[in-house]
Amino acid sequence: MHTLVEETTFKSKNRYSMALTQEWKLLLSESRPPELYHMNGGWVERQNVAERPEYGSVRRDLEQRPQAFWRW
């Protein structure tokens, strides 16, 4: 899943991307560490689990999704 903002006033100096499923949200940025949240079908980001080894396969899977659209 991805979105496109056609008219924006925000101009980022760093590239960033997001992968979102019903269960997970991954945020990637050149200027910040990765963020991975288990969304549980909701919209509240409760705890960043990006560095926890037990979620490594989820993180790797989600990291590949934005790259299919935009190569850094």
PDB file of N, CA and C in Angstrom:
ATOM      1  N   MET A   1       0.845  -1.175   0.000  1.00  0.00           N
ATOM      2  CA  MET A   1       0.000   0.000   0.000  1.00  0.00           C
ATOM      3  C   MET A   1       0.889   1.235   0.000  1.00  0.00           C
ATOM      4  N   HIS A   2       0.528   2.227  -0.782  1.00  0.00           N
ATOM      5  CA  HIS A   2       1.245   3.493  -0.742  1.00  0.00           C
ATOM      6  C   HIS A   2       0.294   4.607  -1.110  1.00  0.00           C
ATOM      7  N   THR A   3       0.666   5.820  -0.785  1.00  0.00           N
ATOM      8  CA  THR A   3      -0.133   6.986  -1.137  1.00  0.00           C
ATOM      9  C   THR A   3       0.749   7.982  -1.862  1.00  0.00           C
ATOM     10  N   LEU A   4       0.117   8.876  -2.576  1.00  0.00           N
ATOM     11  CA  LEU A   4       0.827   9.921  -3.293  1.00  0.00           C
ATOM     12  C   LEU A   4       0.163  11.251  -2.978  1.00  0.00           C
ATOM     13  N   VAL A   5       0.932  12.186  -2.485  1.00  0.00           N
ATOM     14  CA  VAL A   5       0.423  13.527  -2.221  1.00  0.00           C
ATOM     15  C   VAL A   5       0.773  14.369  -3.433  1.00  0.00           C
ATOM     16  N   GLU A   6      -0.243  14.831  -4.156  1.00  0.00           N
ATOM     17  CA  GLU A   6       0.013  15.573  -5.393  1.00  0.00           C
ATOM     18  C   GLU A   6       0.399  17.017  -5.145  1.00  0.00           C
ATOM     19  N   GLU A   7      -0.193  17.643  -4.160  1.00  0.00           N
ATOM     20  CA  GLU A   7       0.135  19.033  -3.860  1.00  0.00           C
ATOM     21  C   GLU A   7       0.528  19.122  -2.395  1.00  0.00           C
ATOM     22  N   THR A   8       1.773  19.437  -2.162  1.00  0.00           N
ATOM     23  CA  THR A   8       2.235  19.528  -0.782  1.00  0.00           C
ATOM     24  C   THR A   8       3.067  20.787  -0.584  1.00  0.00           C
ATOM     25  N   THR A   9       3.029  21.312   0.608  1.00  0.00           N
ATOM     26  CA  THR A   9       3.868  22.468   0.943  1.00  0.00           C
ATOM     27  C   THR A   9       5.075  22.031   1.761  1.00  0.00           C
ATOM     28  N   PHE A  10       5.075  20.777   2.191  1.00  0.00           N
ATOM     29  CA  PHE A  10       6.176  20.240   2.984  1.00  0.00           C
ATOM     30  C   PHE A  10       7.301  19.794   2.056  1.00  0.00           C
ATOM     31  N   LYS A  11       8.493  20.286   2.277  1.00  0.00           N
ATOM     32  CA  LYS A  11       9.663  19.899   1.494  1.00  0.00           C
ATOM     33  C   LYS A  11      10.701  19.292   2.428  1.00  0.00           C
ATOM     34  N   SER A  12      10.820  17.977   2.393  1.00  0.00           N
ATOM     35  CA  SER A  12      11.760  17.281   3.257  1.00  0.00           C
ATOM     36  C   SER A  12      13.173  17.358   2.678  1.00  0.00           C
ATOM     37  N   LYS A  13      14.147  17.442   3.552  1.00  0.00           N
ATOM     38  CA  LYS A  13      15.543  17.415   3.132  1.00  0.00           C
ATOM     39  C   LYS A  13      16.066  15.992   3.086  1.00  0.00           C
ATOM     40  N   ASN A  14      15.335  15.058   3.671  1.00  0.00           N
ATOM     41  CA  ASN A  14      15.720  13.656   3.718  1.00  0.00           C
ATOM     42  C   ASN A  14      14.612  12.796   3.122  1.00  0.00           C
ATOM     43  N   ARG A  15      15.017  11.702   2.514  1.00  0.00           N
ATOM     44  CA  ARG A  15      14.023  10.788   1.961  1.00  0.00           C
ATOM     45  C   ARG A  15      13.435   9.929   3.075  1.00  0.00           C
ATOM     46  N   TYR A  16      12.181   9.563   2.922  1.00  0.00           N
ATOM     47  CA  TYR A  16      11.514   8.714   3.875  1.00  0.00           C
ATOM     48  C   TYR A  16      10.441   7.916   3.147  1.00  0.00           C
ATOM     49  N   SER A  17      10.053   6.789   3.733  1.00  0.00           N
ATOM     50  CA  SER A  17       8.977   5.988   3.160  1.00  0.00           C
ATOM     51  C   SER A  17       8.278   5.235   4.275  1.00  0.00           C
ATOM     52  N   MET A  18       7.111   4.694   3.938  1.00  0.00           N
ATOM     53  CA  MET A  18       6.310   3.970   4.906  1.00  0.00           C
ATOM     54  C   MET A  18       5.692   2.756   4.230  1.00  0.00           C
ATOM     55  N   ALA A  19       5.622   1.653   4.947  1.00  0.00           N
ATOM     56  CA  ALA A  19       4.882   0.476   4.505  1.00  0.00           C
ATOM     57  C   ALA A  19       3.817   0.214   5.560  1.00  0.00           C
ATOM     58  N   LEU A  20       2.596  -0.017   5.114  1.00  0.00           N
ATOM     59  CA  LEU A  20       1.478  -0.171   6.033  1.00  0.00           C
ATOM     60  C   LEU A  20       0.638  -1.369   5.631  1.00  0.00           C
ATOM     61  N   THR A  21       0.381  -2.236   6.587  1.00  0.00           N
ATOM     62  CA  THR A  21      -0.570  -3.326   6.408  1.00  0.00           C
ATOM     63  C   THR A  21      -1.612  -3.181   7.511  1.00  0.00           C
ATOM     64  N   GLN A  22      -2.573  -4.080   7.534  1.00  0.00           N
ATOM     65  CA  GLN A  22      -3.574  -4.006   8.591  1.00  0.00           C
ATOM     66  C   GLN A  22      -2.944  -4.245   9.966  1.00  0.00           C
ATOM     67  N   GLU A  23      -1.870  -5.040   9.992  1.00  0.00           N
ATOM     68  CA  GLU A  23      -1.226  -5.371  11.268  1.00  0.00           C
ATOM     69  C   GLU A  23      -0.003  -4.531  11.607  1.00  0.00           C
ATOM     70  N   TRP A  24       0.740  -4.049  10.587  1.00  0.00           N
ATOM     71  CA  TRP A  24       2.047  -3.439  10.820  1.00  0.00           C
ATOM     72  C   TRP A  24       2.203  -2.104  10.113  1.00  0.00           C
ATOM     73  N   LYS A  25       3.069  -1.252  10.685  1.00  0.00           N
ATOM     74  CA  LYS A  25       3.456   0.014  10.058  1.00  0.00           C
ATOM     75  C   LYS A  25       4.957   0.171  10.229  1.00  0.00           C
ATOM     76  N   LEU A  26       5.661   0.360   9.101  1.00  0.00           N
ATOM     77  CA  LEU A  26       7.109   0.563   9.117  1.00  0.00           C
ATOM     78  C   LEU A  26       7.408   1.936   8.541  1.00  0.00           C
ATOM     79  N   LEU A  27       8.205   2.716   9.257  1.00  0.00           N
ATOM     80  CA  LEU A  27       8.647   4.031   8.805  1.00  0.00           C
ATOM     81  C   LEU A  27      10.153   3.983   8.606  1.00  0.00           C
ATOM     82  N   LEU A  28      10.610   4.395   7.422  1.00  0.00           N
ATOM     83  CA  LEU A  28      12.038   4.437   7.106  1.00  0.00           C
ATOM     84  C   LEU A  28      12.422   5.861   6.755  1.00  0.00           C
ATOM     85  N   SER A  29      13.550   6.307   7.258  1.00  0.00           N
ATOM     86  CA  SER A  29      14.021   7.670   7.029  1.00  0.00           C
ATOM     87  C   SER A  29      15.538   7.659   6.941  1.00  0.00           C
ATOM     88  N   GLU A  30      16.078   8.578   6.164  1.00  0.00           N
ATOM     89  CA  GLU A  30      17.535   8.727   6.103  1.00  0.00           C
ATOM     90  C   GLU A  30      18.096   9.372   7.358  1.00  0.00           C
ATOM     91  N   SER A  31      17.266  10.080   8.103  1.00  0.00           N
ATOM     92  CA  SER A  31      17.768  10.851   9.229  1.00  0.00           C
ATOM     93  C   SER A  31      17.380  10.294  10.603  1.00  0.00           C
ATOM     94  N   ARG A  32      16.572   9.242  10.638  1.00  0.00           N
ATOM     95  CA  ARG A  32      16.122   8.673  11.906  1.00  0.00           C
ATOM     96  C   ARG A  32      16.203   7.155  11.853  1.00  0.00           C
ATOM     97  N   PRO A  33      16.280   6.486  12.988  1.00  0.00           N
ATOM     98  CA  PRO A  33      16.255   5.023  12.996  1.00  0.00           C
ATOM     99  C   PRO A  33      14.893   4.508  12.516  1.00  0.00           C
ATOM    100  N   PRO A  34      14.837   3.285  12.003  1.00  0.00           N
ATOM    101  CA  PRO A  34      13.557   2.718  11.565  1.00  0.00           C
ATOM    102  C   PRO A  34      12.569   2.607  12.730  1.00  0.00           C
ATOM    103  N   GLU A  35      11.292   2.697  12.384  1.00  0.00           N
ATOM    104  CA  GLU A  35      10.232   2.520  13.372  1.00  0.00           C
ATOM    105  C   GLU A  35       9.285   1.444  12.859  1.00  0.00           C
ATOM    106  N   LEU A  36       8.970   0.478  13.703  1.00  0.00           N
ATOM    107  CA  LEU A  36       8.050  -0.602  13.366  1.00  0.00           C
ATOM    108  C   LEU A  36       7.021  -0.722  14.484  1.00  0.00           C
ATOM    109  N   TYR A  37       5.751  -0.641  14.105  1.00  0.00           N
ATOM    110  CA  TYR A  37       4.662  -0.702  15.079  1.00  0.00           C
ATOM    111  C   TYR A  37       3.690  -1.807  14.728  1.00  0.00           C
ATOM    112  N   HIS A  38       3.256  -2.582  15.729  1.00  0.00           N
ATOM    113  CA  HIS A  38       2.202  -3.569  15.548  1.00  0.00           C
ATOM    114  C   HIS A  38       0.885  -2.842  15.764  1.00  0.00           C
ATOM    115  N   MET A  39       0.126  -2.650  14.683  1.00  0.00           N
ATOM    116  CA  MET A  39      -1.062  -1.807  14.720  1.00  0.00           C
ATOM    117  C   MET A  39      -2.305  -2.547  15.202  1.00  0.00           C
ATOM    118  N   ASN A  40      -2.309  -3.881  15.153  1.00  0.00           N
ATOM    119  CA  ASN A  40      -3.457  -4.669  15.606  1.00  0.00           C
ATOM    120  C   ASN A  40      -4.765  -4.221  14.955  1.00  0.00           C
ATOM    121  N   GLY A  41      -4.713  -3.834  13.685  1.00  0.00           N
ATOM    122  CA  GLY A  41      -5.918  -3.418  12.983  1.00  0.00           C
ATOM    123  C   GLY A  41      -6.413  -2.038  13.379  1.00  0.00           C
ATOM    124  N   GLY A  42      -5.668  -1.331  14.208  1.00  0.00           N
ATOM    125  CA  GLY A  42      -6.096  -0.014  14.675  1.00  0.00           C
ATOM    126  C   GLY A  42      -5.268   1.096  14.060  1.00  0.00           C
ATOM    127  N   TRP A  43      -5.205   2.212  14.724  1.00  0.00           N
ATOM    128  CA  TRP A  43      -4.480   3.359  14.193  1.00  0.00           C
ATOM    129  C   TRP A  43      -3.516   3.970  15.203  1.00  0.00           C
ATOM    130  N   VAL A  44      -3.340   3.342  16.361  1.00  0.00           N
ATOM    131  CA  VAL A  44      -2.481   3.889  17.406  1.00  0.00           C
ATOM    132  C   VAL A  44      -1.121   3.196  17.386  1.00  0.00           C
ATOM    133  N   GLU A  45      -0.060   3.983  17.298  1.00  0.00           N
ATOM    134  CA  GLU A  45       1.313   3.478  17.353  1.00  0.00           C
ATOM    135  C   GLU A  45       1.726   3.432  18.816  1.00  0.00           C
ATOM    136  N   ARG A  46       1.829   2.244  19.375  1.00  0.00           N
ATOM    137  CA  ARG A  46       2.082   2.122  20.810  1.00  0.00           C
ATOM    138  C   ARG A  46       3.550   1.927  21.170  1.00  0.00           C
ATOM    139  N   GLN A  47       4.234   1.027  20.492  1.00  0.00           N
ATOM    140  CA  GLN A  47       5.620   0.720  20.874  1.00  0.00           C
ATOM    141  C   GLN A  47       6.445   0.400  19.630  1.00  0.00           C
ATOM    142  N   ASN A  48       7.569   1.068  19.486  1.00  0.00           N
ATOM    143  CA  ASN A  48       8.471   0.816  18.373  1.00  0.00           C
ATOM    144  C   ASN A  48       9.232  -0.481  18.651  1.00  0.00           C
ATOM    145  N   VAL A  49       9.017  -1.500  17.794  1.00  0.00           N
ATOM    146  CA  VAL A  49       9.665  -2.804  17.986  1.00  0.00           C
ATOM    147  C   VAL A  49      10.681  -3.095  16.883  1.00  0.00           C
ATOM    148  N   ALA A  50      11.135  -2.075  16.189  1.00  0.00           N
ATOM    149  CA  ALA A  50      12.023  -2.251  15.033  1.00  0.00           C
ATOM    150  C   ALA A  50      13.324  -2.958  15.379  1.00  0.00           C
ATOM    151  N   GLU A  51      13.850  -2.774  16.559  1.00  0.00           N
ATOM    152  CA  GLU A  51      15.137  -3.354  16.933  1.00  0.00           C
ATOM    153  C   GLU A  51      15.012  -4.694  17.638  1.00  0.00           C
ATOM    154  N   ARG A  52      13.801  -5.174  17.857  1.00  0.00           N
ATOM    155  CA  ARG A  52      13.621  -6.446  18.559  1.00  0.00           C
ATOM    156  C   ARG A  52      13.776  -7.608  17.586  1.00  0.00           C
ATOM    157  N   PRO A  53      14.687  -8.550  17.883  1.00  0.00           N
ATOM    158  CA  PRO A  53      14.994  -9.651  16.959  1.00  0.00           C
ATOM    159  C   PRO A  53      13.792 -10.497  16.557  1.00  0.00           C
ATOM    160  N   GLU A  54      12.836 -10.672  17.440  1.00  0.00           N
ATOM    161  CA  GLU A  54      11.689 -11.511  17.119  1.00  0.00           C
ATOM    162  C   GLU A  54      10.795 -10.930  16.020  1.00  0.00           C
ATOM    163  N   TYR A  55      10.985  -9.654  15.680  1.00  0.00           N
ATOM    164  CA  TYR A  55      10.218  -9.028  14.607  1.00  0.00           C
ATOM    165  C   TYR A  55      11.064  -8.768  13.360  1.00  0.00           C
ATOM    166  N   GLY A  56      12.245  -9.377  13.314  1.00  0.00           N
ATOM    167  CA  GLY A  56      13.158  -9.173  12.182  1.00  0.00           C
ATOM    168  C   GLY A  56      12.561  -9.583  10.854  1.00  0.00           C
ATOM    169  N   SER A  57      11.853 -10.700  10.785  1.00  0.00           N
ATOM    170  CA  SER A  57      11.273 -11.146   9.500  1.00  0.00           C
ATOM    171  C   SER A  57      10.165 -10.214   9.042  1.00  0.00           C
ATOM    172  N   VAL A  58       9.387  -9.674   9.971  1.00  0.00           N
ATOM    173  CA  VAL A  58       8.334  -8.714   9.623  1.00  0.00           C
ATOM    174  C   VAL A  58       8.978  -7.450   9.065  1.00  0.00           C
ATOM    175  N   ARG A  59      10.011  -6.970   9.743  1.00  0.00           N
ATOM    176  CA  ARG A  59      10.701  -5.752   9.304  1.00  0.00           C
ATOM    177  C   ARG A  59      11.316  -5.931   7.915  1.00  0.00           C
ATOM    178  N   ARG A  60      11.992  -7.066   7.676  1.00  0.00           N
ATOM    179  CA  ARG A  60      12.607  -7.298   6.364  1.00  0.00           C
ATOM    180  C   ARG A  60      11.551  -7.350   5.256  1.00  0.00           C
ATOM    181  N   ASP A  61      10.431  -8.000   5.529  1.00  0.00           N
ATOM    182  CA  ASP A  61       9.358  -8.074   4.538  1.00  0.00           C
ATOM    183  C   ASP A  61       8.824  -6.682   4.213  1.00  0.00           C
ATOM    184  N   LEU A  62       8.565  -5.890   5.238  1.00  0.00           N
ATOM    185  CA  LEU A  62       8.009  -4.548   5.010  1.00  0.00           C
ATOM    186  C   LEU A  62       9.029  -3.606   4.374  1.00  0.00           C
ATOM    187  N   GLU A  63      10.315  -3.783   4.667  1.00  0.00           N
ATOM    188  CA  GLU A  63      11.349  -2.939   4.061  1.00  0.00           C
ATOM    189  C   GLU A  63      11.388  -3.110   2.547  1.00  0.00           C
ATOM    190  N   GLN A  64      11.041  -4.278   2.056  1.00  0.00           N
ATOM    191  CA  GLN A  64      11.075  -4.541   0.621  1.00  0.00           C
ATOM    192  C   GLN A  64       9.903  -3.909  -0.121  1.00  0.00           C
ATOM    193  N   ARG A  65       8.802  -3.690   0.531  1.00  0.00           N
ATOM    194  CA  ARG A  65       7.597  -3.183  -0.141  1.00  0.00           C
ATOM    195  C   ARG A  65       7.771  -1.791  -0.751  1.00  0.00           C
ATOM    196  N   PRO A  66       8.263  -0.786  -0.013  1.00  0.00           N
ATOM    197  CA  PRO A  66       8.442   0.525  -0.659  1.00  0.00           C
ATOM    198  C   PRO A  66       9.497   0.496  -1.765  1.00  0.00           C
ATOM    199  N   GLN A  67      10.509  -0.359  -1.617  1.00  0.00           N
ATOM    200  CA  GLN A  67      11.571  -0.430  -2.620  1.00  0.00           C
ATOM    201  C   GLN A  67      11.044  -0.912  -3.971  1.00  0.00           C
ATOM    202  N   ALA A  68       9.933  -1.612  -3.977  1.00  0.00           N
ATOM    203  CA  ALA A  68       9.332  -2.044  -5.243  1.00  0.00           C
ATOM    204  C   ALA A  68       8.825  -0.842  -6.035  1.00  0.00           C
ATOM    205  N   PHE A  69       8.521   0.264  -5.338  1.00  0.00           N
ATOM    206  CA  PHE A  69       8.021   1.476  -5.994  1.00  0.00           C
ATOM    207  C   PHE A  69       9.099   2.532  -6.186  1.00  0.00           C
ATOM    208  N   TRP A  70       9.927   2.718  -5.137  1.00  0.00           N
ATOM    209  CA  TRP A  70      10.941   3.776  -5.163  1.00  0.00           C
ATOM    210  C   TRP A  70      12.276   3.213  -4.717  1.00  0.00           C
ATOM    211  N   ARG A  71      13.256   3.251  -5.570  1.00  0.00           N
ATOM    212  CA  ARG A  71      14.608   2.822  -5.213  1.00  0.00           C
ATOM    213  C   ARG A  71      15.359   3.998  -4.596  1.00  0.00           C
ATOM    214  N   TRP A  72      15.982   3.790  -3.436  1.00  0.00           N
ATOM    215  CA  TRP A  72      16.807   4.794  -2.790  1.00  0.00           C
ATOM    216  C   TRP A  72      18.159   4.616  -3.344  1.00  0.00           C
TER     217      TRP A  72
END
